[in-house]
Protein backbone atom coordinates (compact mmCIF):
# COMPACT_ATOMS: atom_id res chain seq x y z
CA UNK A 1 0.71 2.20 20.11
CA UNK A 2 -2.98 2.08 18.49
CA UNK A 3 -4.89 -0.97 19.70
CA UNK A 4 -8.16 -2.07 18.12
CA UNK A 5 -10.60 -4.67 19.09
CA UNK A 6 -10.99 -5.81 15.28
CA UNK A 7 -8.91 -4.55 12.37
CA UNK A 8 -10.72 -5.06 8.76
CA UNK A 9 -7.77 -4.68 5.78
CA UNK A 10 -9.71 -3.50 2.90
CA UNK A 11 -12.39 -1.16 2.44
CA UNK A 12 -14.43 -3.20 -0.17
CA UNK A 13 -17.85 -4.33 0.03
CA UNK A 14 -16.85 -7.43 2.06
CA UNK A 15 -14.88 -5.62 4.17
CA UNK A 16 -17.38 -2.96 4.96
CA UNK A 17 -20.11 -5.14 5.67
CA UNK A 18 -17.37 -6.89 7.90
CA UNK A 19 -16.95 -3.75 10.18
CA UNK A 20 -20.52 -3.01 10.02
CA UNK A 21 -21.14 -6.68 12.04
CA UNK A 22 -17.80 -5.81 14.06
CA UNK A 23 -19.28 -2.22 15.26
CA UNK A 24 -23.25 -3.72 15.65
CA UNK A 25 -21.40 -7.06 17.98
CA UNK A 26 -20.22 -3.85 20.70
CA UNK A 27 -16.69 -3.53 19.92
CA UNK A 28 -13.93 -0.94 18.38
CA UNK A 29 -12.90 -1.86 14.56
CA UNK A 30 -11.45 0.37 12.06
CA UNK A 31 -10.90 0.01 8.10
CA UNK A 32 -7.41 0.42 6.60
CA UNK A 33 -7.73 0.60 2.74
CA UNK A 34 -4.41 0.84 0.45
CA UNK A 35 -5.50 3.82 -1.33
CA UNK A 36 -7.96 6.94 -0.41
CA UNK A 37 -11.03 6.43 1.60
CA UNK A 38 -13.34 4.76 -1.27
CA UNK A 39 -10.90 3.64 -3.71
CA UNK A 40 -11.62 0.05 -2.98
CA UNK A 41 -15.33 0.48 -4.19
CA UNK A 42 -13.91 0.41 -8.03
CA UNK A 43 -13.25 -3.08 -8.07
CA UNK A 44 -16.88 -3.98 -7.24
CA UNK A 45 -19.06 -6.37 -9.44
CA UNK A 46 -21.57 -5.16 -12.02
CA UNK A 47 -23.35 -8.64 -12.15
CA UNK A 48 -25.78 -8.29 -9.85
CA UNK A 49 -27.19 -10.22 -7.00
CA UNK A 50 -27.96 -13.75 -6.66
CA UNK A 51 -31.18 -14.36 -4.88
CA UNK A 52 -33.70 -17.07 -4.95
CA UNK A 53 -36.52 -14.29 -4.44
CA UNK A 54 -39.62 -16.33 -7.04
CA UNK A 55 -38.93 -19.78 -5.68
CA UNK A 56 -40.53 -21.95 -2.48
CA UNK A 57 -36.70 -22.54 -0.88
CA UNK A 58 -32.90 -22.01 -1.46
CA UNK A 59 -32.66 -25.33 -2.78
CA UNK A 60 -32.67 -24.80 -6.32
CA UNK A 61 -29.72 -21.74 -5.91
CA UNK A 62 -27.69 -24.16 -3.72
CA UNK A 63 -28.00 -27.19 -6.24
CA UNK A 64 -27.31 -24.92 -9.16
CA UNK A 65 -23.91 -23.54 -7.32
CA UNK A 66 -22.80 -26.63 -6.01
CA UNK A 67 -23.26 -28.24 -9.73
CA UNK A 68 -21.12 -25.11 -11.70
CA UNK A 69 -18.66 -26.50 -8.44
CA UNK A 70 -18.17 -29.98 -9.92
CA UNK A 71 -17.24 -31.33 -6.49
CA UNK A 72 -15.15 -28.25 -5.33
CA UNK A 73 -17.56 -26.63 -3.39
CA UNK A 74 -18.53 -26.77 0.83
CA UNK A 75 -21.94 -27.80 1.15
CA UNK A 76 -22.65 -26.51 4.34
CA UNK A 77 -21.15 -23.13 3.23
CA UNK A 78 -23.15 -22.95 -0.46
CA UNK A 79 -26.17 -24.12 1.82
CA UNK A 80 -25.60 -20.73 4.66
CA UNK A 81 -24.29 -18.30 1.95
CA UNK A 82 -27.68 -19.45 -0.37
CA UNK A 83 -30.38 -19.27 2.04
CA UNK A 84 -29.19 -15.84 3.33
CA UNK A 85 -29.45 -13.95 0.49
CA UNK A 86 -32.91 -12.79 0.96
CA UNK A 87 -32.19 -11.74 4.10
CA UNK A 88 -29.25 -9.66 2.75
CA UNK A 89 -31.67 -8.22 0.01
CA UNK A 90 -34.17 -7.18 2.69
CA UNK A 91 -31.70 -5.40 4.51
CA UNK A 92 -30.18 -3.37 1.42
CA UNK A 93 -33.61 -2.04 0.55
CA UNK A 94 -34.06 -1.24 3.45
CA UNK A 95 -31.05 0.95 3.67
CA UNK A 96 -32.27 2.41 0.60
CA UNK A 97 -30.83 -0.01 -2.77
CA UNK A 98 -33.30 0.64 -5.36
CA UNK A 99 -33.56 -2.53 -7.31
CA UNK A 100 -35.33 -2.46 -11.09
CA UNK A 101 -38.83 -4.34 -10.57
CA UNK A 102 -41.00 -6.08 -12.62
CA UNK A 103 -45.29 -5.24 -13.15
CA UNK A 104 -45.51 -7.14 -9.85
CA UNK A 105 -43.40 -4.86 -7.81
CA UNK A 106 -41.17 -7.42 -6.65
CA UNK A 107 -37.30 -7.44 -7.98
CA UNK A 108 -37.20 -8.26 -11.43
CA UNK A 109 -34.83 -11.04 -11.95
CA UNK A 110 -32.38 -12.22 -14.48
CA UNK A 111 -30.86 -14.72 -15.74
CA UNK A 112 -27.21 -15.98 -16.18
CA UNK A 113 -24.46 -18.41 -16.82
CA UNK A 114 -24.66 -20.85 -13.59
CA UNK A 115 -28.36 -20.76 -12.91
CA UNK A 116 -30.98 -22.76 -14.25
CA UNK A 117 -33.99 -19.66 -13.16
CA UNK A 118 -33.76 -16.17 -13.12
CA UNK A 119 -32.78 -15.34 -9.86
CA UNK A 120 -30.05 -12.57 -10.30
CA UNK A 121 -30.93 -9.05 -8.56
CA UNK A 122 -29.94 -6.00 -9.98
CA UNK A 123 -29.98 -2.37 -10.80
CA UNK A 124 -28.67 -2.22 -14.23
CA UNK A 125 -25.16 -1.66 -14.65
CA UNK A 126 -24.22 -0.51 -11.28
CA UNK A 127 -24.93 -2.73 -8.59
CA UNK A 128 -22.18 -3.26 -7.04
CA UNK A 129 -21.20 0.52 -6.90
CA UNK A 130 -24.44 1.44 -5.74
CA UNK A 131 -24.06 -1.39 -2.93
CA UNK A 132 -21.12 0.24 -2.12
CA UNK A 133 -22.51 3.77 -1.44
CA UNK A 134 -25.01 2.22 1.17
CA UNK A 135 -22.66 0.04 3.10
CA UNK A 136 -20.52 3.47 3.02
CA UNK A 137 -22.96 5.04 4.60
CA UNK A 138 -23.58 2.42 7.24
CA UNK A 139 -20.41 2.91 7.90
CA UNK A 140 -20.69 6.87 8.12
CA UNK A 141 -23.54 6.66 10.45
CA UNK A 142 -22.12 4.72 13.00
CA UNK A 143 -19.18 6.31 12.76
CA UNK A 144 -16.71 3.74 12.15
CA UNK A 145 -13.19 4.28 11.70
CA UNK A 146 -11.72 4.30 8.07
CA UNK A 147 -7.80 5.04 7.52
CA UNK A 148 -6.47 5.98 3.48
CA UNK A 149 -3.49 5.44 1.80
CA UNK A 150 -2.38 2.84 4.75
CA UNK A 151 -0.46 -0.23 3.02
CA UNK A 152 -0.57 -2.95 5.30
CA UNK A 153 2.81 -5.11 5.37
CA UNK A 154 2.93 -7.84 7.69
CA UNK A 155 0.54 -9.93 9.87
CA UNK A 156 1.89 -10.20 13.44
CA UNK A 157 1.43 -13.67 15.48
CA UNK A 158 2.98 -15.37 18.50
CA UNK A 159 1.88 -18.91 18.24
CA UNK A 160 -0.22 -18.89 15.41
CA UNK A 161 -2.52 -16.14 17.20
CA UNK A 162 -2.93 -12.93 15.85
CA UNK A 163 -1.46 -10.18 17.63
CA UNK A 164 -1.18 -6.75 15.36
CA UNK A 165 0.28 -5.42 12.18
CA UNK A 166 2.09 -3.37 10.53
CA UNK A 167 1.34 -0.79 7.99
CA UNK A 168 2.88 1.89 6.41
CA UNK A 169 1.29 5.36 6.57
CA UNK A 170 1.89 6.33 2.78
CA UNK A 171 0.97 9.82 3.40
CA UNK A 172 3.47 10.64 6.32
CA UNK A 173 6.02 7.90 5.36
CA UNK A 174 6.05 6.26 8.35
CA UNK A 175 5.68 2.41 10.15
CA UNK A 176 2.92 2.58 11.83
CA UNK A 177 2.18 -0.65 14.49
CA UNK A 178 -1.68 -1.91 15.90
CA UNK A 179 -2.60 -4.10 18.26
CA UNK A 180 -5.57 -6.04 17.62
CA UNK A 181 -7.09 -9.09 19.27
CA UNK A 182 -8.45 -9.90 15.34
CA UNK A 183 -7.63 -8.87 12.18
CA UNK A 184 -10.00 -9.61 9.31
CA UNK A 185 -8.50 -9.66 5.80
CA UNK A 186 -11.13 -8.74 3.27
CA UNK A 187 -9.10 -7.38 0.20
CA UNK A 188 -9.30 -7.96 -3.33
CA UNK A 189 -8.55 -11.00 -5.45
CA UNK A 190 -5.12 -11.55 -7.20
CA UNK A 191 -6.86 -10.30 -11.14
CA UNK A 192 -3.65 -7.77 -11.30
CA UNK A 193 -1.74 -10.49 -12.10
CA UNK A 194 -3.55 -10.60 -15.35
CA UNK A 195 -5.22 -7.24 -15.83
CA UNK A 196 -2.20 -4.71 -14.26
CA UNK A 197 -2.50 -2.97 -11.27
CA UNK A 198 -1.93 -3.69 -7.77
CA UNK A 199 -4.16 -6.12 -5.45
CA UNK A 200 -3.98 -9.37 -3.72
CA UNK A 201 -2.23 -8.24 -0.75
CA UNK A 202 -4.77 -10.28 1.65
CA UNK A 203 -3.23 -13.25 0.08
CA UNK A 204 0.71 -12.49 0.63
CA UNK A 205 0.26 -11.06 3.60
CA UNK A 206 -1.65 -14.02 4.86
CA UNK A 207 1.24 -16.21 2.55
CA UNK A 208 3.97 -14.54 4.42
CA UNK A 209 1.87 -15.24 8.30
CA UNK A 210 2.17 -18.92 7.15
CA UNK A 211 -1.45 -19.40 6.05
CA UNK A 212 -1.52 -22.03 2.70
CA UNK A 213 -3.62 -20.57 0.22
CA UNK A 214 -6.14 -22.98 -2.02
CA UNK A 215 -7.49 -23.53 -4.49
CA UNK A 216 -5.71 -20.54 -7.07
CA UNK A 217 -6.08 -22.27 -10.04
CA UNK A 218 -9.65 -21.62 -10.26
CA UNK A 219 -10.31 -17.74 -11.53
CA UNK A 220 -13.65 -15.84 -12.50
CA UNK A 221 -13.89 -14.77 -15.96
CA UNK A 222 -16.30 -12.19 -17.71
CA UNK A 223 -16.92 -13.24 -21.16
CA UNK A 224 -18.55 -9.83 -21.56
CA UNK A 225 -15.56 -7.65 -21.54
CA UNK A 226 -13.26 -4.95 -23.17
CA UNK A 227 -10.28 -6.18 -22.30
CA UNK A 228 -7.89 -3.72 -23.88
CA UNK A 229 -10.81 -0.69 -22.26
CA UNK A 230 -10.68 -2.24 -18.62
CA UNK A 231 -14.55 -2.64 -19.04
CA UNK A 232 -16.73 -5.19 -18.11
CA UNK A 233 -20.20 -5.40 -19.34
CA UNK A 234 -23.47 -6.36 -16.67
CA UNK A 235 -25.00 -10.03 -17.94
CA UNK A 236 -28.37 -8.47 -17.04
CA UNK A 237 -28.59 -6.87 -20.70
CA UNK A 238 -28.81 -10.32 -22.53
CA UNK A 239 -31.90 -10.51 -20.77
CA UNK A 240 -33.15 -6.78 -22.19
CA UNK A 241 -32.39 -8.01 -25.78
CA UNK A 242 -28.82 -7.83 -26.30
CA UNK A 243 -27.18 -11.27 -27.91
CA UNK A 244 -23.50 -12.61 -28.49
CA UNK A 245 -22.59 -13.03 -32.06
CA UNK A 246 -19.32 -14.69 -33.36
CA UNK A 247 -17.57 -11.85 -36.30
CA UNK A 248 -19.55 -14.36 -39.83
CA UNK A 249 -22.74 -13.46 -37.45
CA UNK A 250 -23.80 -16.79 -36.00
CA UNK A 251 -25.34 -16.72 -32.25
CA UNK A 252 -23.78 -17.60 -29.25
CA UNK A 253 -25.38 -19.28 -26.56
CA UNK A 254 -23.74 -19.70 -22.96
CA UNK A 255 -25.20 -22.50 -21.50
CA UNK A 256 -26.92 -21.97 -18.17
CA UNK A 257 -25.80 -24.79 -16.43
CA UNK A 258 -22.35 -24.28 -16.82
CA UNK A 259 -20.36 -20.89 -14.95
CA UNK A 260 -19.07 -17.77 -16.18
CA UNK A 261 -15.52 -19.51 -16.75
CA UNK A 262 -17.71 -22.41 -19.10
CA UNK A 263 -19.18 -19.12 -20.72
CA UNK A 264 -16.13 -17.84 -21.62
CA UNK A 265 -14.86 -20.73 -22.99
CA UNK A 266 -17.74 -20.67 -25.48
CA UNK A 267 -16.74 -17.67 -26.82
CA UNK A 268 -13.15 -19.12 -27.50
CA UNK A 269 -14.45 -22.23 -29.00
CA UNK A 270 -16.35 -19.87 -31.90
CA UNK A 271 -13.05 -19.11 -33.37
CA UNK A 272 -13.64 -16.00 -34.16
CA UNK A 273 -13.18 -12.56 -32.61
CA UNK A 274 -17.12 -12.14 -30.84
CA UNK A 275 -18.98 -9.02 -30.64
CA UNK A 276 -21.99 -7.91 -28.15
CA UNK A 277 -24.86 -6.65 -30.08
CA UNK A 278 -26.80 -3.89 -28.06
CA UNK A 279 -28.47 -1.75 -30.74
CA UNK A 280 -31.91 -2.86 -29.95
CA UNK A 281 -32.85 -3.44 -26.44
CA UNK A 282 -36.44 -3.91 -24.98
CA UNK A 283 -38.39 -0.88 -24.70
CA UNK A 284 -37.86 1.21 -21.19
CA UNK A 285 -34.33 -1.04 -20.67
CA UNK A 286 -31.94 1.57 -22.33
CA UNK A 287 -32.04 3.99 -18.96
CA UNK A 288 -30.85 1.31 -16.94
CA UNK A 289 -27.60 0.79 -18.85
CA UNK A 290 -26.60 4.35 -19.31
CA UNK A 291 -23.44 3.99 -17.32
CA UNK A 292 -22.36 1.07 -19.98
CA UNK A 293 -23.49 3.25 -22.62
CA UNK A 294 -21.64 6.32 -21.53
CA UNK A 295 -18.41 4.13 -21.33
CA UNK A 296 -18.55 2.48 -24.54
CA UNK A 297 -19.45 5.65 -26.30
CA UNK A 298 -16.36 7.62 -24.50
CA UNK A 299 -14.08 4.28 -25.74
CA UNK A 300 -15.23 3.41 -28.81
CA UNK A 301 -16.64 6.64 -30.09
CA UNK A 302 -19.61 5.52 -31.18
CA UNK A 303 -22.65 5.19 -29.18
CA UNK A 304 -23.84 1.47 -27.95
CA UNK A 305 -27.18 1.68 -30.01
CA UNK A 306 -25.41 2.36 -33.30
CA UNK A 307 -22.42 -0.32 -33.09
CA UNK A 308 -21.34 -3.55 -32.13
CA UNK A 309 -18.98 -3.63 -29.05
CA UNK A 310 -16.31 -6.11 -29.47
CA UNK A 311 -15.49 -8.63 -26.55
CA UNK A 312 -13.31 -11.03 -25.25
CA UNK A 313 -13.11 -12.93 -21.66
CA UNK A 314 -11.56 -11.30 -18.67
CA UNK A 315 -10.56 -12.36 -15.22
CA UNK A 316 -12.85 -10.61 -13.38
CA UNK A 317 -11.95 -11.98 -9.92
CA UNK A 318 -9.96 -15.15 -8.37
CA UNK A 319 -11.69 -17.86 -6.81
CA UNK A 320 -9.49 -19.49 -4.59
CA UNK A 321 -7.45 -17.63 -1.73
CA UNK A 322 -7.08 -17.81 2.21
CA UNK A 323 -9.01 -20.68 3.16
CA UNK A 324 -11.65 -20.74 5.63
CA UNK A 325 -15.04 -21.85 7.39
CA UNK A 326 -18.38 -20.08 6.06
CA UNK A 327 -17.55 -17.67 9.44
CA UNK A 328 -14.86 -16.70 8.11
CA UNK A 329 -12.62 -17.78 10.57
CA UNK A 330 -8.91 -19.30 9.06
CA UNK A 331 -8.25 -22.32 11.18
CA UNK A 332 -4.51 -22.62 11.59
CA UNK A 333 -4.25 -18.73 12.97
CA UNK A 334 -6.42 -17.93 15.79
CA UNK A 335 -8.19 -14.28 15.55
CA UNK A 336 -7.51 -14.38 11.82
CA UNK A 337 -10.57 -13.68 9.60
CA UNK A 338 -10.93 -13.60 5.76
CA UNK A 339 -13.87 -12.47 3.79
CA UNK A 340 -15.09 -11.72 -0.05
CA UNK A 341 -12.73 -12.02 -3.13
CA UNK A 342 -9.31 -13.48 -1.09
CA UNK A 343 -11.33 -16.04 0.99
CA UNK A 344 -11.88 -19.41 0.05
CA UNK A 345 -14.81 -20.42 1.58
CA UNK A 346 -15.67 -23.14 -0.50
CA UNK A 347 -18.81 -21.59 -1.82
CA UNK A 348 -17.91 -21.09 -5.25
CA UNK A 349 -15.92 -24.35 -6.24
CA UNK A 350 -14.35 -24.37 -9.01
CA UNK A 351 -16.63 -22.12 -11.00
CA UNK A 352 -18.65 -18.85 -10.35
CA UNK A 353 -22.71 -18.33 -11.06
CA UNK A 354 -23.63 -15.00 -12.32
CA UNK A 355 -24.51 -13.04 -8.74
CA UNK A 356 -23.08 -15.07 -5.90
CA UNK A 357 -20.11 -12.70 -6.05
CA UNK A 358 -21.47 -10.18 -4.30
CA UNK A 359 -23.44 -12.62 -2.13
CA UNK A 360 -20.22 -13.98 -0.95
CA UNK A 361 -18.91 -10.85 -0.10
CA UNK A 362 -21.67 -9.51 1.60
CA UNK A 363 -23.01 -12.59 3.62
CA UNK A 364 -19.21 -13.36 3.80
CA UNK A 365 -18.35 -10.22 5.39
CA UNK A 366 -21.23 -10.17 7.33
CA UNK A 367 -20.20 -13.63 9.38
CA UNK A 368 -16.62 -12.62 9.61
CA UNK A 369 -17.30 -9.12 11.28
CA UNK A 370 -19.45 -11.36 14.00
CA UNK A 371 -16.88 -14.34 14.64
CA UNK A 372 -14.14 -11.68 14.72
CA UNK A 373 -15.94 -9.54 17.40
CA UNK A 374 -16.94 -12.68 19.67
CA UNK A 375 -13.48 -13.76 19.45
CA UNK A 376 -12.11 -10.58 20.52
CA UNK A 377 -14.38 -10.14 23.52
CA UNK A 378 -13.11 -13.27 24.64
CA UNK A 379 -9.38 -12.51 24.10
CA UNK A 380 -6.71 -9.58 25.52
CA UNK A 381 -4.22 -7.56 24.28
CA UNK A 382 -0.91 -9.26 23.63
CA UNK A 383 2.02 -7.87 24.83
CA UNK A 384 4.21 -5.35 22.15
CA UNK A 385 7.44 -7.47 21.57
CA UNK A 386 6.38 -9.40 18.88
CA UNK A 387 4.83 -6.45 17.70
CA UNK A 388 8.23 -4.45 17.92
CA UNK A 389 10.24 -7.08 16.35
CA UNK A 390 8.20 -7.19 13.64
CA UNK A 391 8.06 -3.27 13.06
CA UNK A 392 12.18 -3.59 13.17
CA UNK A 393 12.22 -5.34 10.68
CA UNK A 394 9.51 -4.13 8.26
CA UNK A 395 11.72 -0.59 9.31
CA UNK A 396 14.86 -1.95 7.95
CA UNK A 397 13.57 -3.75 4.85
CA UNK A 398 11.86 -0.16 4.08
CA UNK A 399 14.69 1.40 4.64
CA UNK A 400 17.13 -0.71 2.33
CA UNK A 401 14.41 -0.02 -0.40
CA UNK A 402 14.73 3.36 -0.46
CA UNK A 403 18.34 3.03 -0.45
CA UNK A 404 19.18 0.80 -3.53
CA UNK A 405 21.36 1.90 -6.24
CA UNK A 406 21.43 -1.82 -7.99
CA UNK A 407 20.39 -1.16 -12.10
CA UNK A 408 17.67 -3.89 -11.53
CA UNK A 409 14.09 -3.76 -12.90
CA UNK A 410 11.34 -0.62 -12.95
CA UNK A 411 7.96 -2.13 -11.20
CA UNK A 412 6.73 -0.97 -14.28
CA UNK A 413 8.96 -4.00 -16.80
CA UNK A 414 8.30 -6.03 -13.23
CA UNK A 415 4.00 -5.56 -13.67
CA UNK A 416 4.19 -6.04 -17.44
CA UNK A 417 6.51 -9.10 -17.14
CA UNK A 418 3.94 -10.25 -14.69
CA UNK A 419 0.56 -9.92 -16.71
CA UNK A 420 2.14 -11.42 -19.81
CA UNK A 421 3.53 -14.35 -18.34
CA UNK A 422 -0.10 -15.16 -16.58
CA UNK A 423 -2.26 -14.11 -19.53
CA UNK A 424 -0.12 -16.70 -21.47
CA UNK A 425 0.02 -19.51 -19.28
CA UNK A 426 -3.31 -18.98 -16.95
CA UNK A 427 -6.10 -18.18 -19.67
CA UNK A 428 -8.73 -19.83 -20.53
CA UNK A 429 -7.06 -22.83 -21.99
CA UNK A 430 -4.03 -24.42 -20.03
CA UNK A 431 -1.33 -26.98 -20.57
CA UNK A 432 1.39 -28.56 -18.58
CA UNK A 433 4.39 -27.48 -20.87
CA UNK A 434 3.42 -23.76 -20.39
CA UNK A 435 2.75 -23.98 -16.97
CA UNK A 436 6.40 -25.08 -15.94
CA UNK A 437 7.61 -22.45 -18.03
CA UNK A 438 5.78 -19.71 -16.68
CA UNK A 439 6.91 -21.11 -12.61
CA UNK A 440 10.32 -21.18 -14.17
CA UNK A 441 9.75 -17.03 -15.77
CA UNK A 442 8.15 -16.54 -12.13
CA UNK A 443 10.09 -18.00 -10.01
CA UNK A 444 13.44 -15.48 -11.51
CA UNK A 445 10.99 -12.96 -11.04
CA UNK A 446 10.69 -13.31 -7.59
CA UNK A 447 14.31 -13.17 -7.48
CA UNK A 448 14.42 -9.87 -9.07
CA UNK A 449 15.92 -6.44 -7.79
CA UNK A 450 13.43 -3.70 -8.49
CA UNK A 451 14.98 -0.21 -9.22
CA UNK A 452 13.35 3.12 -7.37
CA UNK A 453 13.51 6.54 -8.58
CA UNK A 454 12.28 8.19 -5.75
CA UNK A 455 13.99 8.03 -2.96
CA UNK A 456 11.43 9.80 -0.46
CA UNK A 457 9.51 8.18 2.16
CA UNK A 458 6.88 10.52 2.01
CA UNK A 459 3.73 10.11 -0.47
CA UNK A 460 6.01 7.05 -2.37
CA UNK A 461 3.55 5.45 -4.02
CA UNK A 462 6.35 4.04 -6.58
CA UNK A 463 7.62 2.50 -3.20
CA UNK A 464 4.10 0.91 -2.62
CA UNK A 465 3.84 -0.55 -5.68
CA UNK A 466 6.87 -2.72 -5.09
CA UNK A 467 5.79 -3.94 -2.02
CA UNK A 468 2.53 -5.01 -3.66
CA UNK A 469 4.63 -6.21 -6.62
CA UNK A 470 6.47 -8.66 -5.06
CA UNK A 471 3.72 -10.27 -2.93
CA UNK A 472 1.52 -10.36 -6.49
CA UNK A 473 4.72 -12.18 -8.18
CA UNK A 474 4.86 -14.71 -5.58
CA UNK A 475 0.63 -15.84 -4.88
CA UNK A 476 1.13 -15.74 -9.06
CA UNK A 477 4.23 -18.50 -8.81
CA UNK A 478 1.60 -20.43 -5.97
CA UNK A 479 -1.45 -20.50 -8.51
CA UNK A 480 0.88 -21.63 -11.16
CA UNK A 481 2.45 -24.36 -9.17
CA UNK A 482 -1.87 -25.03 -8.17
CA UNK A 483 -2.63 -25.43 -12.09
CA UNK A 484 0.62 -27.36 -12.31
CA UNK A 485 -0.45 -30.07 -9.69
CA UNK A 486 -4.48 -30.22 -11.22
CA UNK A 487 -3.69 -32.09 -14.13
CA UNK A 488 -7.35 -32.39 -15.10
CA UNK A 489 -9.68 -30.09 -16.39
CA UNK A 490 -12.45 -28.59 -13.69
CA UNK A 491 -14.32 -26.11 -13.88
CA UNK A 492 -12.61 -22.67 -14.46
CA UNK A 493 -9.41 -24.53 -14.99
CA UNK A 494 -9.18 -25.90 -18.06
CA UNK A 495 -6.27 -28.03 -19.47
CA UNK A 496 -5.93 -28.48 -23.41
CA UNK A 497 -3.36 -31.32 -22.73
CA UNK A 498 -5.28 -33.64 -20.78
């Protein structure tokens, strides 16, 4: 049986950064990714990185973040994250990140919802992707183990102490048990419940292990989205000459004092289809949006410089998740740490300011890696009894799913229903009756048998999707119940019936 000091679930920005910190602290570490190695970089943010570079201190950044959070932030975490932003940016530049720069030679900062000053550093429309590539390179230089097509199934605990992890090696169709002193969950949020696809593994793993999830009613929206095409546009483009307009031609301004949830509400308040007009950008800036221009052209059949882009709000990430402190520690379970989009550290609160998502991933990942390494250094590997029992239970579940002959729903049908329920009831605006109905439908969906068409255990991606869907439905039900419990509007949770 394999044994690692630290196991990281998720090859996201937060996961890679956590692994780097854990390795640098002198412990053995491995990263498990659900898909092919590097596939977790597909969800990286296009919004940029928030840093108070041109200010005398970080107080303004902290105050704006707390204001956007509407009383739901943890002030200690906010101040730690915002204070660390400059150091993280300097480290990334040492590693080779090429930022847009102003005439003074300093990084060019753009404005955005949630900030009263310009403080979002970018590489144009590829910030998250380039940052991810740098972290991959740093992992390679350190020889950090990364394994793809490893679907985590359950966390093994003994008296609320993490002892290991049960995973499915998708390529071989075999269950794998790993001993671990510390476990870091660093997966995506559960935005796939709205948008389709899979995700949210860290959330349902923690929930199945007995962790109570927090603040799932709060969601990160991106109003600059082509929802039908799955394309999200960077806010920085608005500083470079682009504008948002309603179908009737009136300009729509995003308030700086509100987060991206409030910006999304601004589109809905117009009552019309809105568009992004990027036909005329500031001289010299179109080169920074080459990726966006190419993707718009392939989806709309016209150049960004010649046509307006229809936009509408889309869930870009989720804010609530596994509760932790600023070090990533989950207080209810020894040896369990969490970082990134699946974490609820209290940094964002009820809504998210532009650029704070990457800051949360970098600082949260760095802290979680260090904390997990410290815990591992002071711990011993447990015996194998609990792991053997969990492995047997997972294998039994695996066998029953492969052998099912029930004519239930297909995974596609379940996924479509889930997306429909969440889009209808957990949109930008919500009301009690719709949430109650959604909870009932999700409860029924959670009891639904999912039929498999592939009975082979080897490279059975359909089976993997079933595991993820079952977990996603449970997390979505938890989120709807959280929304039902918060009867007042707060940040990204807006009630139309309060």
